[in-house]
All heavy atoms as atom14 arrays in JSON, in Angstrom:
{
  "sequence": "LFSPEQTKYLYRVPYSIHNLESIDMDNPDFEKYPALQYARGITAEMEH",
  "atom14_mask": [
    [1, 1, 1, 1, 1, 1, 1, 1, 0, 0, 0, 0, 0, 0],
    [1, 1, 1, 1, 1, 1, 1, 1, 1, 1, 1, 0, 0, 0],
    [1, 1, 1, 1, 1, 1, 0, 0, 0, 0, 0, 0, 0, 0],
    [1, 1, 1, 1, 1, 1, 1, 0, 0, 0, 0, 0, 0, 0],
    [1, 1, 1, 1, 1, 1, 1, 1, 1, 0, 0, 0, 0, 0],
    [1, 1, 1, 1, 1, 1, 1, 1, 1, 0, 0, 0, 0, 0],
    [1, 1, 1, 1, 1, 1, 1, 0, 0, 0, 0, 0, 0, 0],
    [1, 1, 1, 1, 1, 1, 1, 1, 1, 0, 0, 0, 0, 0],
    [1, 1, 1, 1, 1, 1, 1, 1, 1, 1, 1, 1, 0, 0],
    [1, 1, 1, 1, 1, 1, 1, 1, 0, 0, 0, 0, 0, 0],
    [1, 1, 1, 1, 1, 1, 1, 1, 1, 1, 1, 1, 0, 0],
    [1, 1, 1, 1, 1, 1, 1, 1, 1, 1, 1, 0, 0, 0],
    [1, 1, 1, 1, 1, 1, 1, 0, 0, 0, 0, 0, 0, 0],
    [1, 1, 1, 1, 1, 1, 1, 0, 0, 0, 0, 0, 0, 0],
    [1, 1, 1, 1, 1, 1, 1, 1, 1, 1, 1, 1, 0, 0],
    [1, 1, 1, 1, 1, 1, 0, 0, 0, 0, 0, 0, 0, 0],
    [1, 1, 1, 1, 1, 1, 1, 1, 0, 0, 0, 0, 0, 0],
    [1, 1, 1, 1, 1, 1, 1, 1, 1, 1, 0, 0, 0, 0],
    [1, 1, 1, 1, 1, 1, 1, 1, 0, 0, 0, 0, 0, 0],
    [1, 1, 1, 1, 1, 1, 1, 1, 0, 0, 0, 0, 0, 0],
    [1, 1, 1, 1, 1, 1, 1, 1, 1, 0, 0, 0, 0, 0],
    [1, 1, 1, 1, 1, 1, 0, 0, 0, 0, 0, 0, 0, 0],
    [1, 1, 1, 1, 1, 1, 1, 1, 0, 0, 0, 0, 0, 0],
    [1, 1, 1, 1, 1, 1, 1, 1, 0, 0, 0, 0, 0, 0],
    [1, 1, 1, 1, 1, 1, 1, 1, 0, 0, 0, 0, 0, 0],
    [1, 1, 1, 1, 1, 1, 1, 1, 0, 0, 0, 0, 0, 0],
    [1, 1, 1, 1, 1, 1, 1, 1, 0, 0, 0, 0, 0, 0],
    [1, 1, 1, 1, 1, 1, 1, 0, 0, 0, 0, 0, 0, 0],
    [1, 1, 1, 1, 1, 1, 1, 1, 0, 0, 0, 0, 0, 0],
    [1, 1, 1, 1, 1, 1, 1, 1, 1, 1, 1, 0, 0, 0],
    [1, 1, 1, 1, 1, 1, 1, 1, 1, 0, 0, 0, 0, 0],
    [1, 1, 1, 1, 1, 1, 1, 1, 1, 0, 0, 0, 0, 0],
    [1, 1, 1, 1, 1, 1, 1, 1, 1, 1, 1, 1, 0, 0],
    [1, 1, 1, 1, 1, 1, 1, 0, 0, 0, 0, 0, 0, 0],
    [1, 1, 1, 1, 1, 0, 0, 0, 0, 0, 0, 0, 0, 0],
    [1, 1, 1, 1, 1, 1, 1, 1, 0, 0, 0, 0, 0, 0],
    [1, 1, 1, 1, 1, 1, 1, 1, 1, 0, 0, 0, 0, 0],
    [1, 1, 1, 1, 1, 1, 1, 1, 1, 1, 1, 1, 0, 0],
    [1, 1, 1, 1, 1, 0, 0, 0, 0, 0, 0, 0, 0, 0],
    [1, 1, 1, 1, 1, 1, 1, 1, 1, 1, 1, 0, 0, 0],
    [1, 1, 1, 1, 0, 0, 0, 0, 0, 0, 0, 0, 0, 0],
    [1, 1, 1, 1, 1, 1, 1, 1, 0, 0, 0, 0, 0, 0],
    [1, 1, 1, 1, 1, 1, 1, 0, 0, 0, 0, 0, 0, 0],
    [1, 1, 1, 1, 1, 0, 0, 0, 0, 0, 0, 0, 0, 0],
    [1, 1, 1, 1, 1, 1, 1, 1, 1, 0, 0, 0, 0, 0],
    [1, 1, 1, 1, 1, 1, 1, 1, 0, 0, 0, 0, 0, 0],
    [1, 1, 1, 1, 1, 1, 1, 1, 1, 0, 0, 0, 0, 0],
    [1, 1, 1, 1, 1, 1, 1, 1, 1, 1, 0, 0, 0, 0]
  ],
  "atom14_positions": [
    [[17.89, -10.56, 9.51], [17.45, -9.55, 10.53], [16.46, -10.18, 11.47], [15.61, -11.11, 11.16], [16.76, -8.41, 9.93], [17.51, -7.56, 8.97], [16.65, -6.56, 8.22], [18.68, -6.76, 9.59], [0.0, 0.0, 0.0], [0.0, 0.0, 0.0], [0.0, 0.0, 0.0], [0.0, 0.0, 0.0], [0.0, 0.0, 0.0], [0.0, 0.0, 0.0]],
    [[16.54, -9.82, 12.75], [15.63, -10.26, 13.75], [15.18, -9.04, 14.58], [16.03, -8.19, 15.08], [16.15, -11.28, 14.64], [16.5, -12.56, 14.11], [17.73, -12.94, 13.57], [15.53, -13.59, 13.99], [18.0, -14.03, 12.88], [15.79, -14.78, 13.43], [17.05, -15.04, 12.89], [0.0, 0.0, 0.0], [0.0, 0.0, 0.0], [0.0, 0.0, 0.0]],
    [[13.86, -8.88, 14.73], [13.35, -7.68, 15.51], [13.72, -7.76, 16.9], [13.93, -8.98, 17.48], [11.8, -7.66, 15.21], [11.14, -8.49, 16.2], [0.0, 0.0, 0.0], [0.0, 0.0, 0.0], [0.0, 0.0, 0.0], [0.0, 0.0, 0.0], [0.0, 0.0, 0.0], [0.0, 0.0, 0.0], [0.0, 0.0, 0.0], [0.0, 0.0, 0.0]],
    [[13.69, -6.72, 17.67], [13.93, -6.78, 19.14], [13.03, -7.76, 19.92], [13.39, -8.23, 20.9], [13.85, -5.34, 19.6], [14.07, -4.53, 18.45], [13.53, -5.22, 17.24], [0.0, 0.0, 0.0], [0.0, 0.0, 0.0], [0.0, 0.0, 0.0], [0.0, 0.0, 0.0], [0.0, 0.0, 0.0], [0.0, 0.0, 0.0], [0.0, 0.0, 0.0]],
    [[11.71, -7.82, 19.33], [10.84, -8.83, 20.11], [11.26, -10.16, 19.98], [10.86, -11.01, 20.78], [9.46, -8.7, 19.26], [8.69, -7.36, 19.64], [9.34, -6.17, 18.89], [9.91, -6.38, 17.79], [9.08, -5.05, 19.3], [0.0, 0.0, 0.0], [0.0, 0.0, 0.0], [0.0, 0.0, 0.0], [0.0, 0.0, 0.0], [0.0, 0.0, 0.0]],
    [[12.22, -10.59, 19.06], [12.71, -12.0, 18.89], [13.91, -12.21, 19.9], [14.43, -13.28, 20.01], [13.17, -12.2, 17.5], [12.05, -12.09, 16.49], [10.96, -12.95, 16.75], [11.26, -14.22, 16.77], [9.78, -12.53, 16.7], [0.0, 0.0, 0.0], [0.0, 0.0, 0.0], [0.0, 0.0, 0.0], [0.0, 0.0, 0.0], [0.0, 0.0, 0.0]],
    [[14.37, -11.18, 20.57], [15.5, -11.4, 21.5], [15.34, -12.5, 22.34], [16.41, -13.19, 22.68], [15.8, -10.05, 22.34], [16.06, -8.83, 21.4], [16.95, -10.13, 23.19], [0.0, 0.0, 0.0], [0.0, 0.0, 0.0], [0.0, 0.0, 0.0], [0.0, 0.0, 0.0], [0.0, 0.0, 0.0], [0.0, 0.0, 0.0], [0.0, 0.0, 0.0]],
    [[14.17, -12.79, 22.95], [13.91, -13.78, 23.95], [14.34, -15.13, 23.46], [14.44, -16.13, 24.13], [12.46, -13.73, 24.49], [11.5, -13.98, 23.39], [10.12, -13.66, 23.9], [9.04, -13.82, 22.79], [7.66, -13.53, 23.41], [0.0, 0.0, 0.0], [0.0, 0.0, 0.0], [0.0, 0.0, 0.0], [0.0, 0.0, 0.0], [0.0, 0.0, 0.0]],
    [[14.39, -15.37, 22.14], [14.63, -16.7, 21.52], [16.15, -16.75, 21.04], [16.48, -17.81, 20.67], [13.78, -16.92, 20.41], [12.25, -16.85, 20.7], [11.5, -16.01, 19.82], [11.74, -17.55, 21.68], [10.08, -15.96, 20.24], [10.33, -17.4, 21.96], [9.62, -16.65, 21.17], [8.27, -16.54, 21.54], [0.0, 0.0, 0.0], [0.0, 0.0, 0.0]],
    [[16.93, -15.79, 21.04], [18.19, -15.73, 20.45], [19.39, -15.92, 21.37], [20.6, -15.74, 20.76], [18.24, -14.35, 19.65], [17.21, -14.21, 18.54], [17.37, -12.59, 18.01], [17.32, -14.96, 17.45], [0.0, 0.0, 0.0], [0.0, 0.0, 0.0], [0.0, 0.0, 0.0], [0.0, 0.0, 0.0], [0.0, 0.0, 0.0], [0.0, 0.0, 0.0]],
    [[19.19, -16.21, 22.59], [20.38, -16.5, 23.41], [21.31, -15.29, 23.54], [22.57, -15.29, 23.35], [21.12, -17.69, 23.0], [20.42, -18.94, 23.09], [19.53, -19.35, 22.12], [20.29, -19.73, 24.25], [18.78, -20.53, 22.14], [19.53, -20.9, 24.43], [18.85, -21.27, 23.35], [18.07, -22.48, 23.51], [0.0, 0.0, 0.0], [0.0, 0.0, 0.0]],
    [[20.79, -14.13, 23.76], [21.54, -12.92, 23.99], [22.4, -13.04, 25.32], [21.96, -13.45, 26.23], [20.6, -11.72, 24.3], [21.32, -10.42, 24.49], [20.41, -9.31, 24.89], [21.18, -8.08, 25.3], [21.46, -7.72, 26.48], [21.13, -8.56, 27.45], [22.19, -6.71, 26.7], [0.0, 0.0, 0.0], [0.0, 0.0, 0.0], [0.0, 0.0, 0.0]],
    [[23.71, -12.75, 25.0], [24.62, -12.77, 26.09], [24.44, -11.47, 26.94], [24.51, -10.37, 26.39], [26.06, -12.91, 25.56], [27.02, -12.74, 26.7], [26.23, -14.04, 24.76], [0.0, 0.0, 0.0], [0.0, 0.0, 0.0], [0.0, 0.0, 0.0], [0.0, 0.0, 0.0], [0.0, 0.0, 0.0], [0.0, 0.0, 0.0], [0.0, 0.0, 0.0]],
    [[24.36, -11.61, 28.35], [24.19, -10.46, 29.12], [25.35, -9.52, 29.04], [26.49, -9.86, 28.81], [24.12, -10.97, 30.58], [23.64, -12.51, 30.31], [24.16, -12.91, 29.01], [0.0, 0.0, 0.0], [0.0, 0.0, 0.0], [0.0, 0.0, 0.0], [0.0, 0.0, 0.0], [0.0, 0.0, 0.0], [0.0, 0.0, 0.0], [0.0, 0.0, 0.0]],
    [[25.09, -8.33, 29.18], [26.22, -7.23, 29.27], [26.82, -7.21, 27.94], [28.0, -6.8, 27.89], [27.21, -7.32, 30.4], [26.56, -7.58, 31.81], [26.58, -8.81, 32.36], [26.1, -6.47, 32.41], [25.94, -8.87, 33.58], [25.38, -6.62, 33.59], [25.3, -7.78, 34.21], [24.66, -7.94, 35.46], [0.0, 0.0, 0.0], [0.0, 0.0, 0.0]],
    [[26.23, -7.55, 26.81], [26.71, -7.47, 25.4], [25.69, -7.11, 24.36], [24.5, -6.97, 24.84], [27.45, -8.71, 25.17], [26.46, -9.79, 24.89], [0.0, 0.0, 0.0], [0.0, 0.0, 0.0], [0.0, 0.0, 0.0], [0.0, 0.0, 0.0], [0.0, 0.0, 0.0], [0.0, 0.0, 0.0], [0.0, 0.0, 0.0], [0.0, 0.0, 0.0]],
    [[26.03, -7.13, 23.15], [25.08, -6.79, 22.16], [25.12, -7.93, 21.15], [24.69, -7.78, 20.02], [25.6, -5.46, 21.54], [26.91, -5.57, 20.86], [25.25, -4.39, 22.33], [27.35, -4.43, 20.01], [0.0, 0.0, 0.0], [0.0, 0.0, 0.0], [0.0, 0.0, 0.0], [0.0, 0.0, 0.0], [0.0, 0.0, 0.0], [0.0, 0.0, 0.0]],
    [[25.53, -9.12, 21.41], [25.64, -10.27, 20.74], [24.89, -11.48, 21.36], [24.68, -11.53, 22.48], [27.0, -10.56, 20.19], [27.94, -10.94, 21.3], [28.08, -12.19, 21.82], [28.79, -10.18, 21.96], [29.06, -12.13, 22.76], [29.42, -10.89, 22.84], [0.0, 0.0, 0.0], [0.0, 0.0, 0.0], [0.0, 0.0, 0.0], [0.0, 0.0, 0.0]],
    [[24.68, -12.53, 20.55], [24.25, -13.78, 21.12], [25.32, -14.73, 21.28], [26.53, -14.33, 21.0], [23.07, -14.41, 20.27], [23.52, -14.86, 19.02], [24.66, -14.61, 18.56], [22.66, -15.64, 18.33], [0.0, 0.0, 0.0], [0.0, 0.0, 0.0], [0.0, 0.0, 0.0], [0.0, 0.0, 0.0], [0.0, 0.0, 0.0], [0.0, 0.0, 0.0]],
    [[25.25, -16.05, 21.63], [26.15, -17.01, 21.84], [27.01, -17.19, 20.66], [26.4, -17.44, 19.52], [25.57, -18.22, 22.31], [24.82, -18.34, 23.65], [24.14, -19.72, 23.87], [25.96, -18.14, 24.75], [0.0, 0.0, 0.0], [0.0, 0.0, 0.0], [0.0, 0.0, 0.0], [0.0, 0.0, 0.0], [0.0, 0.0, 0.0], [0.0, 0.0, 0.0]],
    [[28.24, -17.04, 20.71], [29.13, -17.1, 19.51], [29.28, -18.52, 19.05], [29.82, -18.88, 17.99], [30.41, -16.5, 19.79], [30.25, -14.94, 19.86], [31.62, -14.18, 20.46], [32.41, -14.8, 21.04], [31.81, -13.12, 20.0], [0.0, 0.0, 0.0], [0.0, 0.0, 0.0], [0.0, 0.0, 0.0], [0.0, 0.0, 0.0], [0.0, 0.0, 0.0]],
    [[28.78, -19.42, 19.89], [28.93, -20.91, 19.55], [27.82, -21.4, 18.68], [27.75, -22.42, 18.12], [28.96, -21.76, 20.92], [27.7, -21.52, 21.72], [0.0, 0.0, 0.0], [0.0, 0.0, 0.0], [0.0, 0.0, 0.0], [0.0, 0.0, 0.0], [0.0, 0.0, 0.0], [0.0, 0.0, 0.0], [0.0, 0.0, 0.0], [0.0, 0.0, 0.0]],
    [[26.73, -20.52, 18.44], [25.63, -20.77, 17.62], [26.15, -20.6, 16.14], [26.57, -19.59, 15.84], [24.45, -19.85, 17.98], [23.96, -20.27, 19.34], [23.4, -20.06, 16.76], [22.88, -19.3, 19.85], [0.0, 0.0, 0.0], [0.0, 0.0, 0.0], [0.0, 0.0, 0.0], [0.0, 0.0, 0.0], [0.0, 0.0, 0.0], [0.0, 0.0, 0.0]],
    [[25.88, -21.58, 15.41], [26.1, -21.54, 13.77], [24.82, -20.89, 13.2], [23.81, -21.72, 13.11], [26.43, -22.89, 13.34], [26.77, -22.93, 11.89], [26.59, -21.82, 11.19], [27.13, -23.9, 11.32], [0.0, 0.0, 0.0], [0.0, 0.0, 0.0], [0.0, 0.0, 0.0], [0.0, 0.0, 0.0], [0.0, 0.0, 0.0], [0.0, 0.0, 0.0]],
    [[24.95, -19.68, 12.87], [23.66, -19.04, 12.31], [23.3, -19.66, 10.93], [22.15, -19.46, 10.56], [24.0, -17.54, 12.22], [24.07, -16.8, 13.57], [22.65, -16.93, 14.58], [21.31, -16.14, 13.51], [0.0, 0.0, 0.0], [0.0, 0.0, 0.0], [0.0, 0.0, 0.0], [0.0, 0.0, 0.0], [0.0, 0.0, 0.0], [0.0, 0.0, 0.0]],
    [[24.16, -20.3, 10.24], [23.92, -20.9, 9.0], [23.25, -22.25, 9.27], [22.57, -22.71, 8.3], [25.17, -20.95, 8.09], [25.7, -19.78, 7.74], [24.9, -18.79, 7.47], [27.04, -19.51, 7.81], [0.0, 0.0, 0.0], [0.0, 0.0, 0.0], [0.0, 0.0, 0.0], [0.0, 0.0, 0.0], [0.0, 0.0, 0.0], [0.0, 0.0, 0.0]],
    [[23.49, -22.85, 10.25], [23.01, -24.32, 10.47], [22.7, -24.42, 12.06], [23.46, -25.24, 12.71], [24.1, -25.26, 10.05], [23.49, -26.66, 9.8], [22.34, -26.83, 9.76], [24.36, -27.61, 9.79], [0.0, 0.0, 0.0], [0.0, 0.0, 0.0], [0.0, 0.0, 0.0], [0.0, 0.0, 0.0], [0.0, 0.0, 0.0], [0.0, 0.0, 0.0]],
    [[21.75, -23.82, 12.49], [21.56, -23.77, 13.9], [21.34, -25.17, 14.57], [20.51, -25.96, 13.95], [20.42, -22.84, 14.29], [19.66, -22.76, 12.91], [20.76, -22.96, 11.94], [0.0, 0.0, 0.0], [0.0, 0.0, 0.0], [0.0, 0.0, 0.0], [0.0, 0.0, 0.0], [0.0, 0.0, 0.0], [0.0, 0.0, 0.0], [0.0, 0.0, 0.0]],
    [[21.69, -25.43, 15.65], [21.43, -26.77, 16.43], [20.26, -26.55, 17.4], [20.48, -26.04, 18.36], [22.71, -27.21, 17.23], [22.63, -28.58, 17.79], [21.45, -28.96, 17.9], [23.71, -29.17, 18.04], [0.0, 0.0, 0.0], [0.0, 0.0, 0.0], [0.0, 0.0, 0.0], [0.0, 0.0, 0.0], [0.0, 0.0, 0.0], [0.0, 0.0, 0.0]],
    [[19.08, -26.98, 16.91], [17.92, -26.79, 17.66], [17.85, -27.75, 18.81], [17.06, -27.38, 19.9], [16.65, -27.04, 16.7], [16.42, -25.91, 15.69], [15.7, -26.21, 14.56], [16.92, -24.75, 15.9], [15.49, -25.22, 13.61], [16.72, -23.63, 14.9], [16.02, -23.86, 13.78], [0.0, 0.0, 0.0], [0.0, 0.0, 0.0], [0.0, 0.0, 0.0]],
    [[18.49, -28.74, 18.77], [18.55, -29.74, 20.05], [19.35, -29.0, 21.22], [18.85, -29.1, 22.4], [19.24, -31.05, 19.73], [18.33, -31.86, 18.76], [18.78, -33.19, 18.61], [19.9, -33.6, 19.28], [18.34, -34.07, 17.73], [0.0, 0.0, 0.0], [0.0, 0.0, 0.0], [0.0, 0.0, 0.0], [0.0, 0.0, 0.0], [0.0, 0.0, 0.0]],
    [[20.49, -28.44, 20.93], [21.26, -27.72, 21.82], [20.6, -26.44, 22.26], [20.79, -26.03, 23.49], [22.7, -27.57, 21.33], [23.79, -27.07, 22.42], [25.12, -27.1, 21.85], [26.2, -26.69, 22.87], [27.47, -26.73, 22.36], [0.0, 0.0, 0.0], [0.0, 0.0, 0.0], [0.0, 0.0, 0.0], [0.0, 0.0, 0.0], [0.0, 0.0, 0.0]],
    [[20.15, -25.71, 21.25], [19.55, -24.44, 21.47], [18.22, -24.35, 21.0], [17.82, -23.79, 20.0], [20.49, -23.36, 20.7], [21.98, -23.44, 21.03], [22.79, -23.86, 20.09], [22.3, -22.98, 22.35], [24.16, -23.78, 20.41], [23.67, -22.97, 22.55], [24.65, -23.33, 21.57], [25.94, -23.48, 21.87], [0.0, 0.0, 0.0], [0.0, 0.0, 0.0]],
    [[17.21, -25.08, 21.79], [15.8, -25.14, 21.24], [15.01, -23.92, 21.06], [14.07, -23.88, 20.24], [15.24, -26.07, 22.43], [16.02, -25.87, 23.69], [17.41, -25.61, 23.01], [0.0, 0.0, 0.0], [0.0, 0.0, 0.0], [0.0, 0.0, 0.0], [0.0, 0.0, 0.0], [0.0, 0.0, 0.0], [0.0, 0.0, 0.0], [0.0, 0.0, 0.0]],
    [[15.4, -22.83, 21.71], [14.67, -21.61, 21.56], [14.81, -21.03, 20.25], [13.85, -20.2, 19.78], [15.13, -20.5, 22.59], [0.0, 0.0, 0.0], [0.0, 0.0, 0.0], [0.0, 0.0, 0.0], [0.0, 0.0, 0.0], [0.0, 0.0, 0.0], [0.0, 0.0, 0.0], [0.0, 0.0, 0.0], [0.0, 0.0, 0.0], [0.0, 0.0, 0.0]],
    [[15.77, -21.37, 19.53], [16.18, -20.77, 18.25], [14.95, -21.17, 17.23], [14.74, -20.34, 16.32], [17.42, -21.16, 17.68], [18.84, -20.79, 18.45], [19.98, -21.44, 17.81], [18.77, -19.2, 18.42], [0.0, 0.0, 0.0], [0.0, 0.0, 0.0], [0.0, 0.0, 0.0], [0.0, 0.0, 0.0], [0.0, 0.0, 0.0], [0.0, 0.0, 0.0]],
    [[14.4, -22.21, 17.36], [13.44, -22.6, 16.48], [12.14, -21.88, 16.46], [11.22, -21.93, 15.54], [12.96, -24.2, 16.66], [12.29, -24.45, 18.03], [12.3, -25.9, 18.32], [11.66, -26.68, 17.49], [12.88, -26.42, 19.39], [0.0, 0.0, 0.0], [0.0, 0.0, 0.0], [0.0, 0.0, 0.0], [0.0, 0.0, 0.0], [0.0, 0.0, 0.0]],
    [[11.96, -21.02, 17.5], [10.84, -20.11, 17.6], [11.09, -18.8, 17.05], [10.17, -17.88, 16.93], [10.33, -19.99, 19.07], [9.96, -21.42, 19.64], [10.8, -22.02, 20.51], [8.72, -21.94, 19.31], [10.36, -23.43, 20.99], [8.37, -23.24, 19.78], [9.16, -23.93, 20.65], [8.82, -25.03, 21.09], [0.0, 0.0, 0.0], [0.0, 0.0, 0.0]],
    [[12.35, -18.46, 16.76], [12.67, -17.17, 16.22], [12.17, -17.01, 14.86], [12.33, -17.89, 14.08], [14.21, -16.97, 16.29], [0.0, 0.0, 0.0], [0.0, 0.0, 0.0], [0.0, 0.0, 0.0], [0.0, 0.0, 0.0], [0.0, 0.0, 0.0], [0.0, 0.0, 0.0], [0.0, 0.0, 0.0], [0.0, 0.0, 0.0], [0.0, 0.0, 0.0]],
    [[11.8, -15.74, 14.49], [11.35, -15.49, 13.19], [12.17, -14.39, 12.55], [12.22, -13.27, 13.15], [9.8, -15.21, 13.15], [8.93, -16.23, 13.68], [8.92, -17.47, 12.76], [8.11, -18.46, 13.04], [8.46, -19.6, 13.96], [9.79, -19.68, 14.23], [7.55, -20.5, 14.15], [0.0, 0.0, 0.0], [0.0, 0.0, 0.0], [0.0, 0.0, 0.0]],
    [[12.84, -14.64, 11.54], [13.74, -13.59, 10.88], [13.2, -12.98, 9.51], [12.25, -13.38, 8.97], [0.0, 0.0, 0.0], [0.0, 0.0, 0.0], [0.0, 0.0, 0.0], [0.0, 0.0, 0.0], [0.0, 0.0, 0.0], [0.0, 0.0, 0.0], [0.0, 0.0, 0.0], [0.0, 0.0, 0.0], [0.0, 0.0, 0.0], [0.0, 0.0, 0.0]],
    [[14.03, -12.18, 8.99], [13.79, -11.5, 7.71], [15.05, -11.49, 6.9], [16.06, -11.13, 7.51], [13.37, -10.02, 7.92], [11.96, -9.94, 8.55], [13.1, -9.33, 6.59], [11.62, -8.53, 9.17], [0.0, 0.0, 0.0], [0.0, 0.0, 0.0], [0.0, 0.0, 0.0], [0.0, 0.0, 0.0], [0.0, 0.0, 0.0], [0.0, 0.0, 0.0]],
    [[15.02, -12.01, 5.74], [16.28, -12.16, 4.98], [16.27, -11.14, 3.9], [15.3, -10.75, 3.16], [16.43, -13.43, 4.32], [15.26, -13.76, 3.64], [16.59, -14.47, 5.44], [0.0, 0.0, 0.0], [0.0, 0.0, 0.0], [0.0, 0.0, 0.0], [0.0, 0.0, 0.0], [0.0, 0.0, 0.0], [0.0, 0.0, 0.0], [0.0, 0.0, 0.0]],
    [[17.49, -10.5, 3.63], [17.7, -9.49, 2.49], [18.84, -9.86, 1.71], [20.01, -10.27, 2.26], [17.92, -8.11, 3.02], [0.0, 0.0, 0.0], [0.0, 0.0, 0.0], [0.0, 0.0, 0.0], [0.0, 0.0, 0.0], [0.0, 0.0, 0.0], [0.0, 0.0, 0.0], [0.0, 0.0, 0.0], [0.0, 0.0, 0.0], [0.0, 0.0, 0.0]],
    [[18.84, -10.11, 0.34], [19.86, -10.31, -0.55], [20.33, -8.96, -1.1], [19.44, -8.39, -1.83], [19.62, -11.37, -1.49], [19.21, -12.66, -0.97], [20.13, -13.38, -0.09], [21.48, -13.37, -0.54], [19.81, -14.06, 0.85], [0.0, 0.0, 0.0], [0.0, 0.0, 0.0], [0.0, 0.0, 0.0], [0.0, 0.0, 0.0], [0.0, 0.0, 0.0]],
    [[21.58, -8.51, -0.9], [21.93, -7.21, -1.41], [23.07, -7.31, -2.49], [23.86, -8.08, -2.48], [22.54, -6.4, -0.13], [21.53, -6.19, 0.93], [22.29, -5.12, 2.24], [22.16, -3.55, 1.32], [0.0, 0.0, 0.0], [0.0, 0.0, 0.0], [0.0, 0.0, 0.0], [0.0, 0.0, 0.0], [0.0, 0.0, 0.0], [0.0, 0.0, 0.0]],
    [[22.82, -6.36, -3.54], [23.87, -6.26, -4.59], [24.13, -4.69, -4.7], [23.62, -3.89, -4.0], [23.2, -6.83, -5.85], [21.86, -6.26, -6.3], [21.45, -6.8, -7.58], [21.94, -7.93, -7.9], [20.47, -6.35, -8.14], [0.0, 0.0, 0.0], [0.0, 0.0, 0.0], [0.0, 0.0, 0.0], [0.0, 0.0, 0.0], [0.0, 0.0, 0.0]],
    [[24.9, -4.46, -5.62], [25.5, -3.17, -5.74], [24.37, -2.08, -5.85], [23.52, -2.11, -6.64], [26.37, -3.03, -7.23], [26.91, -1.59, -7.44], [28.1, -1.25, -6.8], [26.45, -0.74, -8.16], [28.31, -0.07, -7.13], [27.39, 0.38, -8.09], [0.0, 0.0, 0.0], [0.0, 0.0, 0.0], [0.0, 0.0, 0.0], [0.0, 0.0, 0.0]]
  ]
}
């Protein structure tokens, strides 16, 4: 999860509700997308 305050770092695509689909969220490329390194997220592991 990322709060709305983190949107400025997430490469939000205009007129949409997603970020750049070329970003690998499991292994982000900070050289190509440097703003991502400033984003702060929250992780949740869910089970039954």
